[in-house]
Amino acid sequence: MTLEILTPDRKLFSGEVFGVQMPGISGSFEVLDRHAPLVSALKAGRLKVLRDKQNHTASYDIQGGFVEVLNNKVTVLVEGAIIIE
């Protein structure tokens, strides 16, 4: 699936991934390949990106925002984010 992480200033990430774990306002959740359509608010916390089958990950500390999942594309819109390797 395709993931884009966007802030008001720039695009932080764009590419193919295997999964994304996010801090939803009602609790953390994960989106995997072919997930059903979804729109959700996000709270400040850790967003974790599973980049490949070898469990290589990238993590971001995000401020609040929103996520949209549609047609195997995940778009994350956040107020700000810092990459944590």
PDB file of N, CA and C in Angstrom:
ATOM      1  N   MET A   1       0.841  -1.172   0.000  1.00  0.00           N
ATOM      2  CA  MET A   1       0.000   0.000   0.000  1.00  0.00           C
ATOM      3  C   MET A   1       0.887   1.237   0.000  1.00  0.00           C
ATOM      4  N   THR A   2       0.320   2.362  -0.384  1.00  0.00           N
ATOM      5  CA  THR A   2       1.053   3.616  -0.463  1.00  0.00           C
ATOM      6  C   THR A   2       0.768   4.454   0.775  1.00  0.00           C
ATOM      7  N   LEU A   3       1.825   5.068   1.312  1.00  0.00           N
ATOM      8  CA  LEU A   3       1.692   5.925   2.479  1.00  0.00           C
ATOM      9  C   LEU A   3       2.269   7.296   2.176  1.00  0.00           C
ATOM     10  N   GLU A   4       1.537   8.344   2.574  1.00  0.00           N
ATOM     11  CA  GLU A   4       2.042   9.713   2.545  1.00  0.00           C
ATOM     12  C   GLU A   4       1.851  10.314   3.928  1.00  0.00           C
ATOM     13  N   ILE A   5       2.902  10.921   4.458  1.00  0.00           N
ATOM     14  CA  ILE A   5       2.833  11.650   5.719  1.00  0.00           C
ATOM     15  C   ILE A   5       3.115  13.107   5.403  1.00  0.00           C
ATOM     16  N   LEU A   6       2.121  13.964   5.663  1.00  0.00           N
ATOM     17  CA  LEU A   6       2.201  15.371   5.290  1.00  0.00           C
ATOM     18  C   LEU A   6       2.042  16.278   6.497  1.00  0.00           C
ATOM     19  N   THR A   7       2.817  17.364   6.523  1.00  0.00           N
ATOM     20  CA  THR A   7       2.636  18.435   7.504  1.00  0.00           C
ATOM     21  C   THR A   7       2.267  19.683   6.708  1.00  0.00           C
ATOM     22  N   PRO A   8       1.881  20.764   7.369  1.00  0.00           N
ATOM     23  CA  PRO A   8       1.583  21.991   6.621  1.00  0.00           C
ATOM     24  C   PRO A   8       2.787  22.520   5.831  1.00  0.00           C
ATOM     25  N   ASP A   9       4.002  22.172   6.272  1.00  0.00           N
ATOM     26  CA  ASP A   9       5.211  22.686   5.638  1.00  0.00           C
ATOM     27  C   ASP A   9       5.794  21.809   4.549  1.00  0.00           C
ATOM     28  N   ARG A  10       5.641  20.476   4.709  1.00  0.00           N
ATOM     29  CA  ARG A  10       6.342  19.596   3.767  1.00  0.00           C
ATOM     30  C   ARG A  10       5.796  18.176   3.794  1.00  0.00           C
ATOM     31  N   LYS A  11       6.260  17.379   2.825  1.00  0.00           N
ATOM     32  CA  LYS A  11       5.950  15.951   2.769  1.00  0.00           C
ATOM     33  C   LYS A  11       7.091  15.222   3.485  1.00  0.00           C
ATOM     34  N   LEU A  12       6.765  14.510   4.563  1.00  0.00           N
ATOM     35  CA  LEU A  12       7.789  13.797   5.327  1.00  0.00           C
ATOM     36  C   LEU A  12       8.113  12.433   4.752  1.00  0.00           C
ATOM     37  N   PHE A  13       7.107  11.776   4.176  1.00  0.00           N
ATOM     38  CA  PHE A  13       7.320  10.427   3.647  1.00  0.00           C
ATOM     39  C   PHE A  13       6.323  10.172   2.536  1.00  0.00           C
ATOM     40  N   SER A  14       6.781   9.470   1.512  1.00  0.00           N
ATOM     41  CA  SER A  14       5.906   9.011   0.445  1.00  0.00           C
ATOM     42  C   SER A  14       6.505   7.738  -0.131  1.00  0.00           C
ATOM     43  N   GLY A  15       5.750   6.644  -0.089  1.00  0.00           N
ATOM     44  CA  GLY A  15       6.270   5.405  -0.643  1.00  0.00           C
ATOM     45  C   GLY A  15       5.417   4.207  -0.289  1.00  0.00           C
ATOM     46  N   GLU A  16       5.875   3.047  -0.742  1.00  0.00           N
ATOM     47  CA  GLU A  16       5.187   1.788  -0.494  1.00  0.00           C
ATOM     48  C   GLU A  16       5.592   1.240   0.866  1.00  0.00           C
ATOM     49  N   VAL A  17       4.596   0.773   1.635  1.00  0.00           N
ATOM     50  CA  VAL A  17       4.849   0.216   2.962  1.00  0.00           C
ATOM     51  C   VAL A  17       3.980  -1.028   3.164  1.00  0.00           C
ATOM     52  N   PHE A  18       4.266  -1.777   4.234  1.00  0.00           N
ATOM     53  CA  PHE A  18       3.490  -2.972   4.550  1.00  0.00           C
ATOM     54  C   PHE A  18       2.463  -2.728   5.643  1.00  0.00           C
ATOM     55  N   GLY A  19       2.665  -1.680   6.451  1.00  0.00           N
ATOM     56  CA  GLY A  19       1.717  -1.384   7.512  1.00  0.00           C
ATOM     57  C   GLY A  19       2.071  -0.097   8.227  1.00  0.00           C
ATOM     58  N   VAL A  20       1.089   0.445   8.958  1.00  0.00           N
ATOM     59  CA  VAL A  20       1.282   1.683   9.722  1.00  0.00           C
ATOM     60  C   VAL A  20       0.535   1.555  11.044  1.00  0.00           C
ATOM     61  N   GLN A  21       1.218   1.826  12.147  1.00  0.00           N
ATOM     62  CA  GLN A  21       0.588   1.874  13.462  1.00  0.00           C
ATOM     63  C   GLN A  21       0.464   3.340  13.856  1.00  0.00           C
ATOM     64  N   MET A  22      -0.737   3.736  14.332  1.00  0.00           N
ATOM     65  CA  MET A  22      -1.015   5.140  14.621  1.00  0.00           C
ATOM     66  C   MET A  22      -1.692   5.322  15.965  1.00  0.00           C
ATOM     67  N   PRO A  23      -1.482   6.491  16.592  1.00  0.00           N
ATOM     68  CA  PRO A  23      -2.145   6.794  17.865  1.00  0.00           C
ATOM     69  C   PRO A  23      -3.502   7.458  17.650  1.00  0.00           C
ATOM     70  N   GLY A  24      -4.555   6.673  17.558  1.00  0.00           N
ATOM     71  CA  GLY A  24      -5.890   7.225  17.401  1.00  0.00           C
ATOM     72  C   GLY A  24      -6.364   7.865  18.696  1.00  0.00           C
ATOM     73  N   ILE A  25      -7.360   8.712  18.615  1.00  0.00           N
ATOM     74  CA  ILE A  25      -7.833   9.390  19.828  1.00  0.00           C
ATOM     75  C   ILE A  25      -8.521   8.425  20.795  1.00  0.00           C
ATOM     76  N   SER A  26      -8.981   7.271  20.306  1.00  0.00           N
ATOM     77  CA  SER A  26      -9.597   6.269  21.176  1.00  0.00           C
ATOM     78  C   SER A  26      -8.664   5.099  21.451  1.00  0.00           C
ATOM     79  N   GLY A  27      -7.420   5.193  20.989  1.00  0.00           N
ATOM     80  CA  GLY A  27      -6.441   4.127  21.174  1.00  0.00           C
ATOM     81  C   GLY A  27      -5.665   3.867  19.903  1.00  0.00           C
ATOM     82  N   SER A  28      -4.552   3.193  20.041  1.00  0.00           N
ATOM     83  CA  SER A  28      -3.698   2.896  18.886  1.00  0.00           C
ATOM     84  C   SER A  28      -4.368   1.880  17.967  1.00  0.00           C
ATOM     85  N   PHE A  29      -4.071   1.982  16.681  1.00  0.00           N
ATOM     86  CA  PHE A  29      -4.587   1.019  15.711  1.00  0.00           C
ATOM     87  C   PHE A  29      -3.591   0.867  14.580  1.00  0.00           C
ATOM     88  N   GLU A  30      -3.764  -0.191  13.797  1.00  0.00           N
ATOM     89  CA  GLU A  30      -2.849  -0.491  12.700  1.00  0.00           C
ATOM     90  C   GLU A  30      -3.627  -0.632  11.401  1.00  0.00           C
ATOM     91  N   VAL A  31      -3.044  -0.156  10.326  1.00  0.00           N
ATOM     92  CA  VAL A  31      -3.614  -0.283   8.987  1.00  0.00           C
ATOM     93  C   VAL A  31      -2.671  -1.160   8.174  1.00  0.00           C
ATOM     94  N   LEU A  32      -3.215  -2.201   7.574  1.00  0.00           N
ATOM     95  CA  LEU A  32      -2.446  -3.118   6.738  1.00  0.00           C
ATOM     96  C   LEU A  32      -2.974  -3.062   5.306  1.00  0.00           C
ATOM     97  N   ASP A  33      -2.317  -3.796   4.422  1.00  0.00           N
ATOM     98  CA  ASP A  33      -2.679  -3.837   3.008  1.00  0.00           C
ATOM     99  C   ASP A  33      -4.166  -4.154   2.823  1.00  0.00           C
ATOM    100  N   ARG A  34      -4.808  -3.433   1.927  1.00  0.00           N
ATOM    101  CA  ARG A  34      -6.222  -3.607   1.561  1.00  0.00           C
ATOM    102  C   ARG A  34      -7.188  -3.357   2.721  1.00  0.00           C
ATOM    103  N   HIS A  35      -6.828  -2.437   3.602  1.00  0.00           N
ATOM    104  CA  HIS A  35      -7.697  -2.074   4.720  1.00  0.00           C
ATOM    105  C   HIS A  35      -8.966  -1.415   4.189  1.00  0.00           C
ATOM    106  N   ALA A  36     -10.054  -1.567   4.905  1.00  0.00           N
ATOM    107  CA  ALA A  36     -11.324  -0.923   4.540  1.00  0.00           C
ATOM    108  C   ALA A  36     -11.163   0.596   4.611  1.00  0.00           C
ATOM    109  N   PRO A  37     -11.956   1.345   3.856  1.00  0.00           N
ATOM    110  CA  PRO A  37     -11.894   2.817   3.918  1.00  0.00           C
ATOM    111  C   PRO A  37     -12.103   3.303   5.353  1.00  0.00           C
ATOM    112  N   LEU A  38     -11.374   4.366   5.698  1.00  0.00           N
ATOM    113  CA  LEU A  38     -11.364   4.838   7.080  1.00  0.00           C
ATOM    114  C   LEU A  38     -10.935   6.296   7.117  1.00  0.00           C
ATOM    115  N   VAL A  39     -11.558   7.063   8.003  1.00  0.00           N
ATOM    116  CA  VAL A  39     -11.095   8.402   8.349  1.00  0.00           C
ATOM    117  C   VAL A  39     -11.082   8.459   9.869  1.00  0.00           C
ATOM    118  N   SER A  40      -9.958   8.915  10.455  1.00  0.00           N
ATOM    119  CA  SER A  40      -9.851   8.938  11.911  1.00  0.00           C
ATOM    120  C   SER A  40      -9.004  10.119  12.356  1.00  0.00           C
ATOM    121  N   ALA A  41      -9.322  10.639  13.537  1.00  0.00           N
ATOM    122  CA  ALA A  41      -8.498  11.663  14.165  1.00  0.00           C
ATOM    123  C   ALA A  41      -7.340  10.978  14.892  1.00  0.00           C
ATOM    124  N   LEU A  42      -6.199  11.655  14.923  1.00  0.00           N
ATOM    125  CA  LEU A  42      -5.022  11.146  15.607  1.00  0.00           C
ATOM    126  C   LEU A  42      -4.643  12.082  16.739  1.00  0.00           C
ATOM    127  N   LYS A  43      -4.139  11.508  17.832  1.00  0.00           N
ATOM    128  CA  LYS A  43      -3.624  12.323  18.931  1.00  0.00           C
ATOM    129  C   LYS A  43      -2.100  12.323  18.859  1.00  0.00           C
ATOM    130  N   ALA A  44      -1.482  13.161  19.651  1.00  0.00           N
ATOM    131  CA  ALA A  44      -0.023  13.195  19.699  1.00  0.00           C
ATOM    132  C   ALA A  44       0.500  11.848  20.172  1.00  0.00           C
ATOM    133  N   GLY A  45       1.578  11.378  19.566  1.00  0.00           N
ATOM    134  CA  GLY A  45       2.149  10.089  19.938  1.00  0.00           C
ATOM    135  C   GLY A  45       3.095   9.575  18.875  1.00  0.00           C
ATOM    136  N   ARG A  46       3.324   8.266  18.898  1.00  0.00           N
ATOM    137  CA  ARG A  46       4.276   7.622  17.993  1.00  0.00           C
ATOM    138  C   ARG A  46       3.560   6.969  16.830  1.00  0.00           C
ATOM    139  N   LEU A  47       3.972   7.306  15.608  1.00  0.00           N
ATOM    140  CA  LEU A  47       3.487   6.671  14.389  1.00  0.00           C
ATOM    141  C   LEU A  47       4.616   5.768  13.904  1.00  0.00           C
ATOM    142  N   LYS A  48       4.317   4.492  13.695  1.00  0.00           N
ATOM    143  CA  LYS A  48       5.332   3.514  13.307  1.00  0.00           C
ATOM    144  C   LYS A  48       5.010   2.964  11.928  1.00  0.00           C
ATOM    145  N   VAL A  49       5.994   3.021  11.039  1.00  0.00           N
ATOM    146  CA  VAL A  49       5.834   2.567   9.652  1.00  0.00           C
ATOM    147  C   VAL A  49       6.619   1.274   9.455  1.00  0.00           C
ATOM    148  N   LEU A  50       5.923   0.205   9.058  1.00  0.00           N
ATOM    149  CA  LEU A  50       6.581  -1.052   8.702  1.00  0.00           C
ATOM    150  C   LEU A  50       6.921  -0.964   7.222  1.00  0.00           C
ATOM    151  N   ARG A  51       8.215  -0.835   6.925  1.00  0.00           N
ATOM    152  CA  ARG A  51       8.639  -0.534   5.558  1.00  0.00           C
ATOM    153  C   ARG A  51       8.738  -1.753   4.649  1.00  0.00           C
ATOM    154  N   ASP A  52       9.078  -2.941   5.215  1.00  0.00           N
ATOM    155  CA  ASP A  52       9.248  -4.123   4.363  1.00  0.00           C
ATOM    156  C   ASP A  52       9.033  -5.400   5.164  1.00  0.00           C
ATOM    157  N   LYS A  53       9.159  -6.548   4.494  1.00  0.00           N
ATOM    158  CA  LYS A  53       8.919  -7.850   5.132  1.00  0.00           C
ATOM    159  C   LYS A  53       9.991  -8.209   6.159  1.00  0.00           C
ATOM    160  N   GLN A  54      11.130  -7.550   6.119  1.00  0.00           N
ATOM    161  CA  GLN A  54      12.217  -7.822   7.065  1.00  0.00           C
ATOM    162  C   GLN A  54      12.062  -7.015   8.355  1.00  0.00           C
ATOM    163  N   ASN A  55      10.886  -6.454   8.582  1.00  0.00           N
ATOM    164  CA  ASN A  55      10.565  -5.682   9.785  1.00  0.00           C
ATOM    165  C   ASN A  55      11.405  -4.421   9.957  1.00  0.00           C
ATOM    166  N   HIS A  56      11.889  -3.842   8.867  1.00  0.00           N
ATOM    167  CA  HIS A  56      12.536  -2.534   8.949  1.00  0.00           C
ATOM    168  C   HIS A  56      11.450  -1.492   9.183  1.00  0.00           C
ATOM    169  N   THR A  57      11.661  -0.653  10.183  1.00  0.00           N
ATOM    170  CA  THR A  57      10.640   0.325  10.541  1.00  0.00           C
ATOM    171  C   THR A  57      11.219   1.739  10.563  1.00  0.00           C
ATOM    172  N   ALA A  58      10.324   2.695  10.500  1.00  0.00           N
ATOM    173  CA  ALA A  58      10.644   4.103  10.730  1.00  0.00           C
ATOM    174  C   ALA A  58       9.576   4.611  11.679  1.00  0.00           C
ATOM    175  N   SER A  59       9.968   5.445  12.618  1.00  0.00           N
ATOM    176  CA  SER A  59       9.017   5.975  13.587  1.00  0.00           C
ATOM    177  C   SER A  59       9.035   7.494  13.568  1.00  0.00           C
ATOM    178  N   TYR A  60       7.873   8.063  13.831  1.00  0.00           N
ATOM    179  CA  TYR A  60       7.717   9.516  13.884  1.00  0.00           C
ATOM    180  C   TYR A  60       6.970   9.868  15.167  1.00  0.00           C
ATOM    181  N   ASP A  61       7.440  10.866  15.887  1.00  0.00           N
ATOM    182  CA  ASP A  61       6.664  11.441  16.979  1.00  0.00           C
ATOM    183  C   ASP A  61       5.809  12.528  16.349  1.00  0.00           C
ATOM    184  N   ILE A  62       4.488  12.340  16.392  1.00  0.00           N
ATOM    185  CA  ILE A  62       3.594  13.265  15.701  1.00  0.00           C
ATOM    186  C   ILE A  62       2.781  14.088  16.696  1.00  0.00           C
ATOM    187  N   GLN A  63       2.373  15.246  16.227  1.00  0.00           N
ATOM    188  CA  GLN A  63       1.362  16.028  16.921  1.00  0.00           C
ATOM    189  C   GLN A  63       0.022  15.567  16.364  1.00  0.00           C
ATOM    190  N   GLY A  64      -1.081  16.060  16.880  1.00  0.00           N
ATOM    191  CA  GLY A  64      -2.391  15.624  16.421  1.00  0.00           C
ATOM    192  C   GLY A  64      -2.601  15.814  14.930  1.00  0.00           C
ATOM    193  N   GLY A  65      -3.568  15.085  14.390  1.00  0.00           N
ATOM    194  CA  GLY A  65      -3.874  15.192  12.973  1.00  0.00           C
ATOM    195  C   GLY A  65      -4.989  14.248  12.575  1.00  0.00           C
ATOM    196  N   PHE A  66      -4.964  13.841  11.317  1.00  0.00           N
ATOM    197  CA  PHE A  66      -5.992  12.963  10.761  1.00  0.00           C
ATOM    198  C   PHE A  66      -5.353  11.960   9.819  1.00  0.00           C
ATOM    199  N   VAL A  67      -6.052  10.834   9.614  1.00  0.00           N
ATOM    200  CA  VAL A  67      -5.631   9.836   8.645  1.00  0.00           C
ATOM    201  C   VAL A  67      -6.827   9.475   7.773  1.00  0.00           C
ATOM    202  N   GLU A  68      -6.551   9.252   6.494  1.00  0.00           N
ATOM    203  CA  GLU A  68      -7.561   8.756   5.557  1.00  0.00           C
ATOM    204  C   GLU A  68      -6.991   7.523   4.876  1.00  0.00           C
ATOM    205  N   VAL A  69      -7.792   6.465   4.832  1.00  0.00           N
ATOM    206  CA  VAL A  69      -7.431   5.238   4.124  1.00  0.00           C
ATOM    207  C   VAL A  69      -8.463   5.043   3.024  1.00  0.00           C
ATOM    208  N   LEU A  70      -8.010   4.996   1.780  1.00  0.00           N
ATOM    209  CA  LEU A  70      -8.919   4.844   0.649  1.00  0.00           C
ATOM    210  C   LEU A  70      -8.168   4.230  -0.523  1.00  0.00           C
ATOM    211  N   ASN A  71      -8.723   3.174  -1.084  1.00  0.00           N
ATOM    212  CA  ASN A  71      -8.148   2.510  -2.259  1.00  0.00           C
ATOM    213  C   ASN A  71      -6.684   2.130  -2.065  1.00  0.00           C
ATOM    214  N   ASN A  72      -6.375   1.540  -0.909  1.00  0.00           N
ATOM    215  CA  ASN A  72      -5.034   1.071  -0.573  1.00  0.00           C
ATOM    216  C   ASN A  72      -3.999   2.194  -0.511  1.00  0.00           C
ATOM    217  N   LYS A  73      -4.455   3.403  -0.226  1.00  0.00           N
ATOM    218  CA  LYS A  73      -3.575   4.552  -0.015  1.00  0.00           C
ATOM    219  C   LYS A  73      -3.893   5.146   1.349  1.00  0.00           C
ATOM    220  N   VAL A  74      -2.854   5.373   2.158  1.00  0.00           N
ATOM    221  CA  VAL A  74      -2.985   5.948   3.485  1.00  0.00           C
ATOM    222  C   VAL A  74      -2.379   7.347   3.446  1.00  0.00           C
ATOM    223  N   THR A  75      -3.184   8.337   3.784  1.00  0.00           N
ATOM    224  CA  THR A  75      -2.716   9.717   3.832  1.00  0.00           C
ATOM    225  C   THR A  75      -2.830  10.202   5.266  1.00  0.00           C
ATOM    226  N   VAL A  76      -1.692  10.588   5.842  1.00  0.00           N
ATOM    227  CA  VAL A  76      -1.641  11.065   7.216  1.00  0.00           C
ATOM    228  C   VAL A  76      -1.328  12.557   7.177  1.00  0.00           C
ATOM    229  N   LEU A  77      -2.221  13.366   7.744  1.00  0.00           N
ATOM    230  CA  LEU A  77      -2.046  14.805   7.815  1.00  0.00           C
ATOM    231  C   LEU A  77      -1.835  15.171   9.283  1.00  0.00           C
ATOM    232  N   VAL A  78      -0.659  15.722   9.620  1.00  0.00           N
ATOM    233  CA  VAL A  78      -0.335  16.037  11.007  1.00  0.00           C
ATOM    234  C   VAL A  78       0.155  17.472  11.132  1.00  0.00           C
ATOM    235  N   GLU A  79      -0.033  18.030  12.328  1.00  0.00           N
ATOM    236  CA  GLU A  79       0.420  19.401  12.606  1.00  0.00           C
ATOM    237  C   GLU A  79       1.938  19.492  12.565  1.00  0.00           C
ATOM    238  N   GLY A  80       2.613  18.462  12.987  1.00  0.00           N
ATOM    239  CA  GLY A  80       4.070  18.433  12.995  1.00  0.00           C
ATOM    240  C   GLY A  80       4.543  17.039  13.328  1.00  0.00           C
ATOM    241  N   ALA A  81       5.807  16.738  12.980  1.00  0.00           N
ATOM    242  CA  ALA A  81       6.359  15.418  13.245  1.00  0.00           C
ATOM    243  C   ALA A  81       7.877  15.482  13.277  1.00  0.00           C
ATOM    244  N   ILE A  82       8.462  14.587  14.080  1.00  0.00           N
ATOM    245  CA  ILE A  82       9.908  14.442  14.168  1.00  0.00           C
ATOM    246  C   ILE A  82      10.220  12.970  13.893  1.00  0.00           C
ATOM    247  N   ILE A  83      11.140  12.716  12.972  1.00  0.00           N
ATOM    248  CA  ILE A  83      11.494  11.323  12.678  1.00  0.00           C
ATOM    249  C   ILE A  83      12.396  10.771  13.790  1.00  0.00           C
ATOM    250  N   ILE A  84      12.085   9.538  14.195  1.00  0.00           N
ATOM    251  CA  ILE A  84      12.856   8.800  15.191  1.00  0.00           C
ATOM    252  C   ILE A  84      13.360   7.540  14.499  1.00  0.00           C
ATOM    253  N   GLU A  85      14.638   7.397  14.298  1.00  0.00           N
ATOM    254  CA  GLU A  85      15.177   6.232  13.584  1.00  0.00           C
ATOM    255  C   GLU A  85      15.302   5.021  14.458  1.00  0.00           C
TER     256      GLU A  85
END
